[in-house]
């Protein structure tokens, strides 16, 4: 899990980084501006962003709006600011920040993040038309040359791909090249 800290004062980021490391979290980036946060987010793809509510070049909500739905977001700011801006899907903590509150919030966010990642991995992969054609051609070859039905050819491709540790598309390509040589 990628963690990005966004705080205008380097000493604040360093303190939070130390607290998180002691609790077993790895901080991947520590930046001080919205622009740097968005750059770090584009390099990480997904994770947790912990940000001060106000930054030199904008507000924390600018990061939330631009980083995408692949990130859990924790905004830290003054109590009146945080309470006045309740935003769905944004965790918030008020200052002064208490270590126990930070760590329990990070635990909840980590759990939510891991559930989201698991859900994303379980989603069926969408194949391009070219990949789908390759699979269909390989199944047709298997059906013609080996007398298999379509479900049998499909199962054969799946099993061969698992046995070889390759993807179904790559396995279909290998089958097509092997059978065209005969």
N, C-alpha and C. Protein backbone atom coordinates (compact mmCIF):
# COMPACT_ATOMS: atom_id res chain seq x y z
N UNK A 1 0.85 -1.17 0.00
CA UNK A 1 0.00 0.00 0.00
C UNK A 1 0.90 1.23 0.00
N UNK A 2 0.60 2.16 -0.89
CA UNK A 2 1.36 3.41 -1.00
C UNK A 2 0.76 4.46 -0.07
N UNK A 3 1.63 5.14 0.67
CA UNK A 3 1.18 6.24 1.53
C UNK A 3 1.93 7.50 1.11
N UNK A 4 1.16 8.56 0.86
CA UNK A 4 1.74 9.84 0.48
C UNK A 4 1.37 10.86 1.56
N UNK A 5 2.37 11.53 2.13
CA UNK A 5 2.15 12.59 3.10
C UNK A 5 2.29 13.93 2.39
N UNK A 6 1.33 14.84 2.64
CA UNK A 6 1.36 16.16 2.00
C UNK A 6 1.22 17.23 3.09
N UNK A 7 2.33 17.83 3.45
CA UNK A 7 2.34 18.85 4.50
C UNK A 7 3.30 19.97 4.10
N UNK A 8 2.87 21.23 4.28
CA UNK A 8 3.73 22.34 3.88
C UNK A 8 5.01 22.45 4.72
N UNK A 9 4.97 22.01 5.96
CA UNK A 9 6.15 22.07 6.82
C UNK A 9 6.84 20.70 6.83
N UNK A 10 8.09 20.64 6.39
CA UNK A 10 8.81 19.37 6.35
C UNK A 10 8.92 18.68 7.71
N UNK A 11 9.03 19.48 8.79
CA UNK A 11 9.17 18.87 10.12
C UNK A 11 7.88 18.15 10.53
N UNK A 12 6.72 18.66 10.10
CA UNK A 12 5.45 17.99 10.41
C UNK A 12 5.39 16.65 9.67
N UNK A 13 5.76 16.69 8.40
CA UNK A 13 5.75 15.46 7.60
C UNK A 13 6.73 14.44 8.18
N UNK A 14 7.89 14.90 8.60
CA UNK A 14 8.89 14.00 9.17
C UNK A 14 8.38 13.35 10.46
N UNK A 15 7.72 14.13 11.31
CA UNK A 15 7.16 13.59 12.56
C UNK A 15 6.10 12.53 12.27
N UNK A 16 5.19 12.84 11.35
CA UNK A 16 4.14 11.87 10.99
C UNK A 16 4.74 10.62 10.36
N UNK A 17 5.74 10.82 9.54
CA UNK A 17 6.40 9.69 8.89
C UNK A 17 7.01 8.76 9.94
N UNK A 18 7.64 9.33 10.95
CA UNK A 18 8.23 8.52 12.03
C UNK A 18 7.16 7.76 12.81
N UNK A 19 6.05 8.43 13.12
CA UNK A 19 4.96 7.78 13.85
C UNK A 19 4.42 6.61 13.04
N UNK A 20 4.19 6.85 11.75
CA UNK A 20 3.63 5.79 10.89
C UNK A 20 4.62 4.63 10.72
N UNK A 21 5.89 4.95 10.57
CA UNK A 21 6.90 3.87 10.43
C UNK A 21 6.96 3.01 11.69
N UNK A 22 6.91 3.64 12.85
CA UNK A 22 6.94 2.88 14.10
C UNK A 22 5.73 1.97 14.23
N UNK A 23 4.64 2.36 13.60
CA UNK A 23 3.41 1.55 13.65
C UNK A 23 3.39 0.50 12.53
N UNK A 24 4.44 0.46 11.71
CA UNK A 24 4.53 -0.57 10.67
C UNK A 24 4.09 -0.14 9.28
N UNK A 25 3.83 1.14 9.08
CA UNK A 25 3.44 1.64 7.76
C UNK A 25 4.67 2.15 7.02
N UNK A 26 4.67 1.98 5.72
CA UNK A 26 5.75 2.50 4.89
C UNK A 26 5.25 3.72 4.15
N UNK A 27 5.92 4.86 4.33
CA UNK A 27 5.56 6.09 3.64
C UNK A 27 6.37 6.14 2.35
N UNK A 28 5.67 6.23 1.22
CA UNK A 28 6.35 6.22 -0.08
C UNK A 28 6.78 7.59 -0.55
N UNK A 29 6.04 8.63 -0.15
CA UNK A 29 6.40 9.98 -0.59
C UNK A 29 5.98 10.97 0.48
N UNK A 30 6.79 12.00 0.61
CA UNK A 30 6.49 13.09 1.53
C UNK A 30 6.72 14.37 0.74
N UNK A 31 5.63 15.09 0.45
CA UNK A 31 5.70 16.28 -0.40
C UNK A 31 5.02 17.45 0.30
N UNK A 32 5.15 18.65 -0.31
CA UNK A 32 4.62 19.83 0.37
C UNK A 32 3.60 20.64 -0.44
N UNK A 33 3.34 20.27 -1.68
CA UNK A 33 2.40 21.04 -2.49
C UNK A 33 1.36 20.13 -3.16
N UNK A 34 0.28 20.75 -3.63
CA UNK A 34 -0.75 20.01 -4.37
C UNK A 34 -0.14 19.39 -5.62
N UNK A 35 0.65 20.17 -6.34
CA UNK A 35 1.26 19.68 -7.59
C UNK A 35 2.15 18.46 -7.34
N UNK A 36 2.97 18.53 -6.30
CA UNK A 36 3.84 17.39 -5.97
C UNK A 36 3.02 16.18 -5.54
N UNK A 37 1.93 16.43 -4.82
CA UNK A 37 1.07 15.32 -4.38
C UNK A 37 0.44 14.63 -5.58
N UNK A 38 -0.03 15.40 -6.54
CA UNK A 38 -0.64 14.80 -7.73
C UNK A 38 0.39 14.04 -8.55
N UNK A 39 1.62 14.55 -8.62
CA UNK A 39 2.69 13.84 -9.31
C UNK A 39 2.98 12.51 -8.61
N UNK A 40 3.10 12.54 -7.29
CA UNK A 40 3.35 11.31 -6.52
C UNK A 40 2.20 10.33 -6.69
N UNK A 41 0.97 10.83 -6.69
CA UNK A 41 -0.21 9.96 -6.86
C UNK A 41 -0.20 9.31 -8.24
N UNK A 42 0.21 10.04 -9.26
CA UNK A 42 0.23 9.45 -10.61
C UNK A 42 1.29 8.36 -10.72
N UNK A 43 2.34 8.47 -9.93
CA UNK A 43 3.40 7.45 -9.94
C UNK A 43 3.00 6.22 -9.12
N UNK A 44 2.15 6.39 -8.12
CA UNK A 44 1.77 5.29 -7.23
C UNK A 44 0.57 4.50 -7.72
N UNK A 45 -0.34 5.11 -8.43
CA UNK A 45 -1.55 4.46 -8.94
C UNK A 45 -2.66 4.33 -7.91
N UNK A 46 -2.34 3.98 -6.66
CA UNK A 46 -3.37 3.86 -5.63
C UNK A 46 -2.70 3.89 -4.26
N UNK A 47 -3.52 4.09 -3.21
CA UNK A 47 -2.97 4.09 -1.86
C UNK A 47 -3.74 5.02 -0.94
N UNK A 48 -3.01 5.61 0.01
CA UNK A 48 -3.59 6.51 0.99
C UNK A 48 -2.83 7.83 0.94
N UNK A 49 -3.59 8.93 0.88
CA UNK A 49 -2.99 10.26 0.92
C UNK A 49 -3.39 10.91 2.25
N UNK A 50 -2.39 11.35 3.00
CA UNK A 50 -2.62 12.06 4.27
C UNK A 50 -2.15 13.48 4.03
N UNK A 51 -3.07 14.45 4.18
CA UNK A 51 -2.73 15.82 3.82
C UNK A 51 -3.20 16.84 4.84
N UNK A 52 -2.39 17.89 4.99
CA UNK A 52 -2.81 19.06 5.74
C UNK A 52 -3.95 19.70 4.94
N UNK A 53 -4.87 20.36 5.61
CA UNK A 53 -6.04 20.92 4.92
C UNK A 53 -5.66 22.04 3.95
N UNK A 54 -4.61 22.81 4.29
CA UNK A 54 -4.19 23.93 3.46
C UNK A 54 -2.73 23.76 3.07
N UNK A 55 -2.45 24.02 1.80
CA UNK A 55 -1.09 23.91 1.28
C UNK A 55 -0.72 25.21 0.59
N UNK A 56 0.53 25.35 0.22
CA UNK A 56 1.02 26.59 -0.40
C UNK A 56 0.27 26.89 -1.70
N UNK A 57 0.03 25.88 -2.51
CA UNK A 57 -0.58 26.10 -3.83
C UNK A 57 -2.03 25.64 -3.93
N UNK A 58 -2.69 25.45 -2.82
CA UNK A 58 -4.10 25.07 -2.87
C UNK A 58 -4.57 24.42 -1.58
N UNK A 59 -5.70 23.76 -1.69
CA UNK A 59 -6.30 23.10 -0.54
C UNK A 59 -6.23 21.58 -0.71
N UNK A 60 -6.34 20.86 0.39
CA UNK A 60 -6.29 19.40 0.35
C UNK A 60 -7.38 18.83 -0.57
N UNK A 61 -8.52 19.47 -0.59
CA UNK A 61 -9.63 18.98 -1.40
C UNK A 61 -9.28 18.99 -2.89
N UNK A 62 -8.34 19.85 -3.29
CA UNK A 62 -7.88 19.87 -4.69
C UNK A 62 -7.19 18.55 -5.03
N UNK A 63 -6.46 18.02 -4.08
CA UNK A 63 -5.78 16.73 -4.28
C UNK A 63 -6.84 15.63 -4.38
N UNK A 64 -7.78 15.65 -3.45
CA UNK A 64 -8.85 14.65 -3.45
C UNK A 64 -9.61 14.65 -4.78
N UNK A 65 -9.94 15.85 -5.27
CA UNK A 65 -10.70 15.97 -6.52
C UNK A 65 -9.92 15.46 -7.73
N UNK A 66 -8.59 15.60 -7.70
CA UNK A 66 -7.78 15.26 -8.87
C UNK A 66 -7.07 13.92 -8.81
N UNK A 67 -6.86 13.38 -7.63
CA UNK A 67 -6.07 12.15 -7.50
C UNK A 67 -6.80 10.92 -8.01
N UNK A 68 -8.10 10.94 -8.01
CA UNK A 68 -8.85 9.79 -8.50
C UNK A 68 -9.40 8.94 -7.38
N UNK A 69 -10.22 8.01 -7.77
CA UNK A 69 -10.93 7.17 -6.80
C UNK A 69 -10.07 6.02 -6.27
N UNK A 70 -8.84 5.93 -6.73
CA UNK A 70 -7.97 4.84 -6.28
C UNK A 70 -7.26 5.15 -4.96
N UNK A 71 -7.57 6.29 -4.38
CA UNK A 71 -6.90 6.69 -3.15
C UNK A 71 -7.89 6.89 -2.01
N UNK A 72 -7.51 6.41 -0.83
CA UNK A 72 -8.18 6.78 0.41
C UNK A 72 -7.59 8.13 0.79
N UNK A 73 -8.38 9.00 1.38
CA UNK A 73 -7.90 10.36 1.64
C UNK A 73 -8.16 10.76 3.09
N UNK A 74 -7.12 11.24 3.76
CA UNK A 74 -7.22 11.73 5.13
C UNK A 74 -6.78 13.19 5.17
N UNK A 75 -7.70 14.06 5.56
CA UNK A 75 -7.42 15.49 5.67
C UNK A 75 -7.28 15.85 7.15
N UNK A 76 -6.22 16.60 7.45
CA UNK A 76 -5.96 17.02 8.82
C UNK A 76 -6.01 18.54 8.88
N UNK A 77 -6.81 19.08 9.81
CA UNK A 77 -6.92 20.53 9.92
C UNK A 77 -7.56 20.95 11.21
N UNK A 78 -7.75 22.27 11.38
CA UNK A 78 -8.38 22.78 12.60
C UNK A 78 -9.79 22.22 12.75
N UNK A 79 -10.21 22.04 13.99
CA UNK A 79 -11.50 21.42 14.28
C UNK A 79 -12.66 22.11 13.57
N UNK A 80 -12.71 23.45 13.61
CA UNK A 80 -13.82 24.17 12.97
C UNK A 80 -13.83 23.97 11.45
N UNK A 81 -12.66 23.91 10.83
CA UNK A 81 -12.57 23.69 9.38
C UNK A 81 -13.03 22.28 9.02
N UNK A 82 -12.52 21.29 9.73
CA UNK A 82 -12.83 19.88 9.48
C UNK A 82 -14.31 19.60 9.69
N UNK A 83 -14.87 20.12 10.77
CA UNK A 83 -16.29 19.87 11.06
C UNK A 83 -17.22 20.57 10.07
N UNK A 84 -16.79 21.70 9.53
CA UNK A 84 -17.62 22.45 8.59
C UNK A 84 -17.61 21.83 7.18
N UNK A 85 -16.64 21.00 6.91
CA UNK A 85 -16.50 20.42 5.57
C UNK A 85 -16.51 18.89 5.62
N UNK A 86 -17.64 18.35 5.91
CA UNK A 86 -17.77 16.89 5.91
C UNK A 86 -17.99 16.46 4.46
N UNK A 87 -17.06 15.67 3.96
CA UNK A 87 -17.09 15.23 2.57
C UNK A 87 -17.16 13.71 2.55
N UNK A 88 -18.13 13.16 1.82
CA UNK A 88 -18.21 11.69 1.73
C UNK A 88 -16.90 11.11 1.21
N UNK A 89 -16.51 9.98 1.72
CA UNK A 89 -15.29 9.26 1.31
C UNK A 89 -13.99 9.95 1.74
N UNK A 90 -14.07 11.02 2.51
CA UNK A 90 -12.85 11.68 3.01
C UNK A 90 -12.82 11.53 4.53
N UNK A 91 -11.76 10.92 5.02
CA UNK A 91 -11.55 10.83 6.45
C UNK A 91 -10.95 12.16 6.89
N UNK A 92 -11.24 12.56 8.12
CA UNK A 92 -10.65 13.81 8.60
C UNK A 92 -10.33 13.70 10.09
N UNK A 93 -9.28 14.38 10.47
CA UNK A 93 -8.88 14.48 11.87
C UNK A 93 -8.60 15.94 12.17
N UNK A 94 -8.95 16.35 13.39
CA UNK A 94 -8.71 17.74 13.75
C UNK A 94 -7.42 17.87 14.55
N UNK A 95 -6.87 19.06 14.47
CA UNK A 95 -5.67 19.36 15.24
C UNK A 95 -6.09 19.97 16.56
N UNK A 96 -5.34 19.78 17.62
CA UNK A 96 -4.08 19.06 17.67
C UNK A 96 -4.29 17.55 17.46
N UNK A 97 -3.39 16.99 16.71
CA UNK A 97 -3.49 15.59 16.32
C UNK A 97 -2.97 14.68 17.44
N UNK A 98 -3.74 13.65 17.76
CA UNK A 98 -3.34 12.67 18.76
C UNK A 98 -2.89 11.41 18.04
N UNK A 99 -1.77 10.86 18.45
CA UNK A 99 -1.17 9.71 17.80
C UNK A 99 -2.16 8.54 17.73
N UNK A 100 -2.85 8.27 18.82
CA UNK A 100 -3.79 7.13 18.84
C UNK A 100 -4.91 7.32 17.82
N UNK A 101 -5.42 8.55 17.69
CA UNK A 101 -6.46 8.82 16.69
C UNK A 101 -5.92 8.61 15.28
N UNK A 102 -4.71 9.10 15.04
CA UNK A 102 -4.09 8.93 13.72
C UNK A 102 -3.94 7.46 13.39
N UNK A 103 -3.40 6.69 14.31
CA UNK A 103 -3.14 5.28 14.04
C UNK A 103 -4.43 4.47 13.89
N UNK A 104 -5.44 4.78 14.70
CA UNK A 104 -6.70 4.04 14.54
C UNK A 104 -7.38 4.41 13.22
N UNK A 105 -7.28 5.67 12.82
CA UNK A 105 -7.83 6.08 11.52
C UNK A 105 -7.07 5.41 10.38
N UNK A 106 -5.75 5.34 10.49
CA UNK A 106 -4.94 4.67 9.46
C UNK A 106 -5.29 3.19 9.38
N UNK A 107 -5.57 2.58 10.51
CA UNK A 107 -5.97 1.17 10.52
C UNK A 107 -7.28 0.98 9.76
N UNK A 108 -8.26 1.85 10.02
CA UNK A 108 -9.54 1.77 9.33
C UNK A 108 -9.34 2.00 7.83
N UNK A 109 -8.52 3.00 7.49
CA UNK A 109 -8.27 3.30 6.08
C UNK A 109 -7.53 2.16 5.39
N UNK A 110 -6.59 1.55 6.07
CA UNK A 110 -5.84 0.42 5.50
C UNK A 110 -6.78 -0.75 5.23
N UNK A 111 -7.68 -0.99 6.15
CA UNK A 111 -8.65 -2.07 5.98
C UNK A 111 -9.55 -1.78 4.78
N UNK A 112 -10.06 -0.56 4.70
CA UNK A 112 -10.92 -0.18 3.57
C UNK A 112 -10.15 -0.28 2.26
N UNK A 113 -8.90 0.14 2.27
CA UNK A 113 -8.07 0.07 1.07
C UNK A 113 -7.84 -1.38 0.64
N UNK A 114 -7.52 -2.26 1.59
CA UNK A 114 -7.27 -3.66 1.23
C UNK A 114 -8.55 -4.33 0.71
N UNK A 115 -9.70 -3.99 1.27
CA UNK A 115 -10.97 -4.53 0.75
C UNK A 115 -11.22 -4.03 -0.67
N UNK A 116 -10.93 -2.74 -0.92
CA UNK A 116 -11.11 -2.18 -2.25
C UNK A 116 -10.18 -2.87 -3.25
N UNK A 117 -8.91 -3.08 -2.87
CA UNK A 117 -7.94 -3.76 -3.77
C UNK A 117 -8.40 -5.18 -4.07
N UNK A 118 -8.89 -5.88 -3.06
CA UNK A 118 -9.36 -7.25 -3.26
C UNK A 118 -10.55 -7.26 -4.22
N UNK A 119 -11.44 -6.32 -4.05
CA UNK A 119 -12.61 -6.21 -4.93
C UNK A 119 -12.17 -5.90 -6.36
N UNK A 120 -11.18 -5.03 -6.52
CA UNK A 120 -10.69 -4.68 -7.86
C UNK A 120 -10.02 -5.88 -8.53
N UNK A 121 -9.29 -6.66 -7.77
CA UNK A 121 -8.63 -7.85 -8.34
C UNK A 121 -9.64 -8.91 -8.74
N UNK A 122 -10.75 -8.98 -8.02
CA UNK A 122 -11.77 -10.00 -8.30
C UNK A 122 -12.60 -9.67 -9.54
N UNK A 123 -12.55 -8.40 -9.95
CA UNK A 123 -13.30 -8.00 -11.14
C UNK A 123 -12.77 -8.71 -12.37
N UNK A 124 -13.65 -9.14 -13.26
CA UNK A 124 -13.16 -9.77 -14.48
C UNK A 124 -12.36 -8.76 -15.31
N UNK A 125 -11.26 -9.24 -15.85
CA UNK A 125 -10.41 -8.39 -16.68
C UNK A 125 -11.09 -8.16 -18.02
N UNK A 126 -11.09 -6.94 -18.49
CA UNK A 126 -11.68 -6.63 -19.79
C UNK A 126 -10.59 -6.77 -20.84
N UNK A 127 -10.84 -7.64 -21.79
CA UNK A 127 -9.86 -7.88 -22.85
C UNK A 127 -10.17 -7.03 -24.07
N UNK A 128 -9.11 -6.67 -24.79
CA UNK A 128 -9.29 -5.91 -26.01
C UNK A 128 -9.89 -6.84 -27.08
N UNK A 129 -10.38 -6.24 -28.15
CA UNK A 129 -10.96 -7.05 -29.23
C UNK A 129 -9.91 -7.96 -29.86
N UNK A 130 -8.69 -7.46 -29.98
CA UNK A 130 -7.61 -8.26 -30.56
C UNK A 130 -7.30 -9.47 -29.66
N UNK A 131 -7.25 -9.26 -28.34
CA UNK A 131 -7.01 -10.36 -27.42
C UNK A 131 -8.14 -11.38 -27.49
N UNK A 132 -9.37 -10.90 -27.55
CA UNK A 132 -10.52 -11.80 -27.64
C UNK A 132 -10.48 -12.61 -28.93
N UNK A 133 -10.08 -11.97 -30.05
CA UNK A 133 -9.96 -12.68 -31.34
C UNK A 133 -8.90 -13.78 -31.26
N UNK A 134 -7.78 -13.48 -30.61
CA UNK A 134 -6.71 -14.47 -30.46
C UNK A 134 -7.23 -15.69 -29.70
N UNK A 135 -7.96 -15.46 -28.62
CA UNK A 135 -8.52 -16.57 -27.83
C UNK A 135 -9.52 -17.37 -28.67
N UNK A 136 -10.38 -16.67 -29.39
CA UNK A 136 -11.39 -17.35 -30.22
C UNK A 136 -10.74 -18.17 -31.32
N UNK A 137 -9.70 -17.65 -31.95
CA UNK A 137 -8.99 -18.40 -33.01
C UNK A 137 -8.34 -19.66 -32.44
N UNK A 138 -7.72 -19.53 -31.27
CA UNK A 138 -7.08 -20.69 -30.65
C UNK A 138 -8.14 -21.75 -30.30
N UNK A 139 -9.28 -21.32 -29.79
CA UNK A 139 -10.35 -22.28 -29.48
C UNK A 139 -10.85 -22.96 -30.75
N UNK A 140 -10.99 -22.20 -31.84
CA UNK A 140 -11.44 -22.78 -33.12
C UNK A 140 -10.45 -23.83 -33.61
N UNK A 141 -9.15 -23.53 -33.50
CA UNK A 141 -8.13 -24.50 -33.90
C UNK A 141 -8.22 -25.77 -33.05
N UNK A 142 -8.36 -25.60 -31.76
CA UNK A 142 -8.48 -26.75 -30.86
C UNK A 142 -9.73 -27.57 -31.19
N UNK A 143 -10.82 -26.90 -31.51
CA UNK A 143 -12.07 -27.59 -31.83
C UNK A 143 -11.93 -28.35 -33.15
N UNK A 144 -11.31 -27.73 -34.16
CA UNK A 144 -11.16 -28.37 -35.47
C UNK A 144 -10.18 -29.53 -35.43
N UNK A 145 -9.03 -29.31 -34.85
CA UNK A 145 -7.95 -30.31 -34.92
C UNK A 145 -8.06 -31.40 -33.86
N UNK A 146 -8.66 -31.08 -32.72
CA UNK A 146 -8.71 -32.06 -31.62
C UNK A 146 -10.12 -32.54 -31.33
N UNK A 147 -11.09 -32.05 -32.09
CA UNK A 147 -12.47 -32.49 -31.92
C UNK A 147 -13.07 -32.10 -30.58
N UNK A 148 -12.65 -30.96 -30.04
CA UNK A 148 -13.18 -30.50 -28.77
C UNK A 148 -14.42 -29.63 -28.97
N UNK A 149 -15.26 -29.60 -27.97
CA UNK A 149 -16.38 -28.65 -27.98
C UNK A 149 -15.84 -27.29 -27.55
N UNK A 150 -16.63 -26.24 -27.70
CA UNK A 150 -16.18 -24.89 -27.31
C UNK A 150 -15.87 -24.82 -25.81
N UNK A 151 -16.73 -25.35 -24.93
CA UNK A 151 -16.38 -25.32 -23.49
C UNK A 151 -15.12 -26.13 -23.18
N UNK A 152 -14.92 -27.26 -23.86
CA UNK A 152 -13.71 -28.06 -23.64
C UNK A 152 -12.47 -27.30 -24.10
N UNK A 153 -12.56 -26.63 -25.24
CA UNK A 153 -11.43 -25.85 -25.75
C UNK A 153 -11.11 -24.70 -24.79
N UNK A 154 -12.13 -24.08 -24.28
CA UNK A 154 -11.94 -22.99 -23.33
C UNK A 154 -11.27 -23.50 -22.05
N UNK A 155 -11.74 -24.61 -21.51
CA UNK A 155 -11.13 -25.20 -20.31
C UNK A 155 -9.68 -25.60 -20.59
N UNK A 156 -9.43 -26.14 -21.79
CA UNK A 156 -8.07 -26.52 -22.15
C UNK A 156 -7.15 -25.30 -22.12
N UNK A 157 -7.61 -24.19 -22.71
CA UNK A 157 -6.81 -22.95 -22.70
C UNK A 157 -6.55 -22.48 -21.27
N UNK A 158 -7.57 -22.50 -20.43
CA UNK A 158 -7.41 -22.06 -19.05
C UNK A 158 -6.41 -22.94 -18.31
N UNK A 159 -6.55 -24.27 -18.46
CA UNK A 159 -5.66 -25.19 -17.75
C UNK A 159 -4.23 -25.04 -18.25
N UNK A 160 -4.06 -24.96 -19.57
CA UNK A 160 -2.71 -24.81 -20.13
C UNK A 160 -2.07 -23.50 -19.65
N UNK A 161 -2.86 -22.46 -19.55
CA UNK A 161 -2.32 -21.18 -19.10
C UNK A 161 -1.90 -21.26 -17.63
N UNK A 162 -2.70 -21.93 -16.79
CA UNK A 162 -2.34 -22.10 -15.38
C UNK A 162 -1.11 -22.99 -15.24
N UNK A 163 -1.07 -24.08 -16.01
CA UNK A 163 0.08 -25.00 -15.93
C UNK A 163 1.39 -24.32 -16.34
N UNK A 164 1.30 -23.44 -17.34
CA UNK A 164 2.50 -22.77 -17.84
C UNK A 164 2.82 -21.47 -17.10
N UNK A 165 1.89 -21.02 -16.27
CA UNK A 165 2.10 -19.76 -15.56
C UNK A 165 2.04 -18.55 -16.49
N UNK A 166 1.25 -18.66 -17.54
CA UNK A 166 1.10 -17.56 -18.49
C UNK A 166 -0.36 -17.14 -18.54
N UNK A 167 -0.62 -16.02 -19.17
CA UNK A 167 -1.98 -15.56 -19.35
C UNK A 167 -2.68 -16.35 -20.44
N UNK A 168 -4.00 -16.31 -20.44
CA UNK A 168 -4.79 -17.05 -21.43
C UNK A 168 -4.47 -16.55 -22.84
N UNK A 169 -4.32 -15.24 -23.01
CA UNK A 169 -4.04 -14.68 -24.33
C UNK A 169 -2.69 -15.17 -24.84
N UNK A 170 -1.69 -15.16 -23.97
CA UNK A 170 -0.35 -15.64 -24.35
C UNK A 170 -0.39 -17.12 -24.69
N UNK A 171 -1.12 -17.90 -23.91
CA UNK A 171 -1.25 -19.34 -24.17
C UNK A 171 -1.97 -19.56 -25.50
N UNK A 172 -3.01 -18.79 -25.77
CA UNK A 172 -3.73 -18.92 -27.04
C UNK A 172 -2.79 -18.62 -28.20
N UNK A 173 -1.95 -17.60 -28.07
CA UNK A 173 -0.97 -17.28 -29.12
C UNK A 173 0.01 -18.41 -29.33
N UNK A 174 0.48 -19.04 -28.24
CA UNK A 174 1.42 -20.17 -28.36
C UNK A 174 0.75 -21.35 -29.05
N UNK A 175 -0.49 -21.62 -28.69
CA UNK A 175 -1.22 -22.74 -29.30
C UNK A 175 -1.39 -22.49 -30.79
N UNK A 176 -1.74 -21.26 -31.14
CA UNK A 176 -1.92 -20.94 -32.56
C UNK A 176 -0.61 -21.11 -33.33
N UNK A 177 0.50 -20.67 -32.78
CA UNK A 177 1.78 -20.79 -33.49
C UNK A 177 2.22 -22.25 -33.55
N UNK A 178 1.99 -23.04 -32.50
CA UNK A 178 2.36 -24.45 -32.52
C UNK A 178 1.50 -25.24 -33.53
N UNK A 179 0.21 -24.97 -33.55
CA UNK A 179 -0.67 -25.72 -34.43
C UNK A 179 -0.54 -25.29 -35.89
N UNK A 180 -0.11 -24.08 -36.13
CA UNK A 180 0.06 -23.63 -37.53
C UNK A 180 1.33 -24.21 -38.12
N UNK A 181 2.27 -24.67 -37.26
CA UNK A 181 3.50 -25.29 -37.75
C UNK A 181 3.27 -26.70 -38.26
N UNK A 182 2.23 -27.34 -37.79
CA UNK A 182 1.96 -28.73 -38.17
C UNK A 182 1.42 -28.82 -39.56
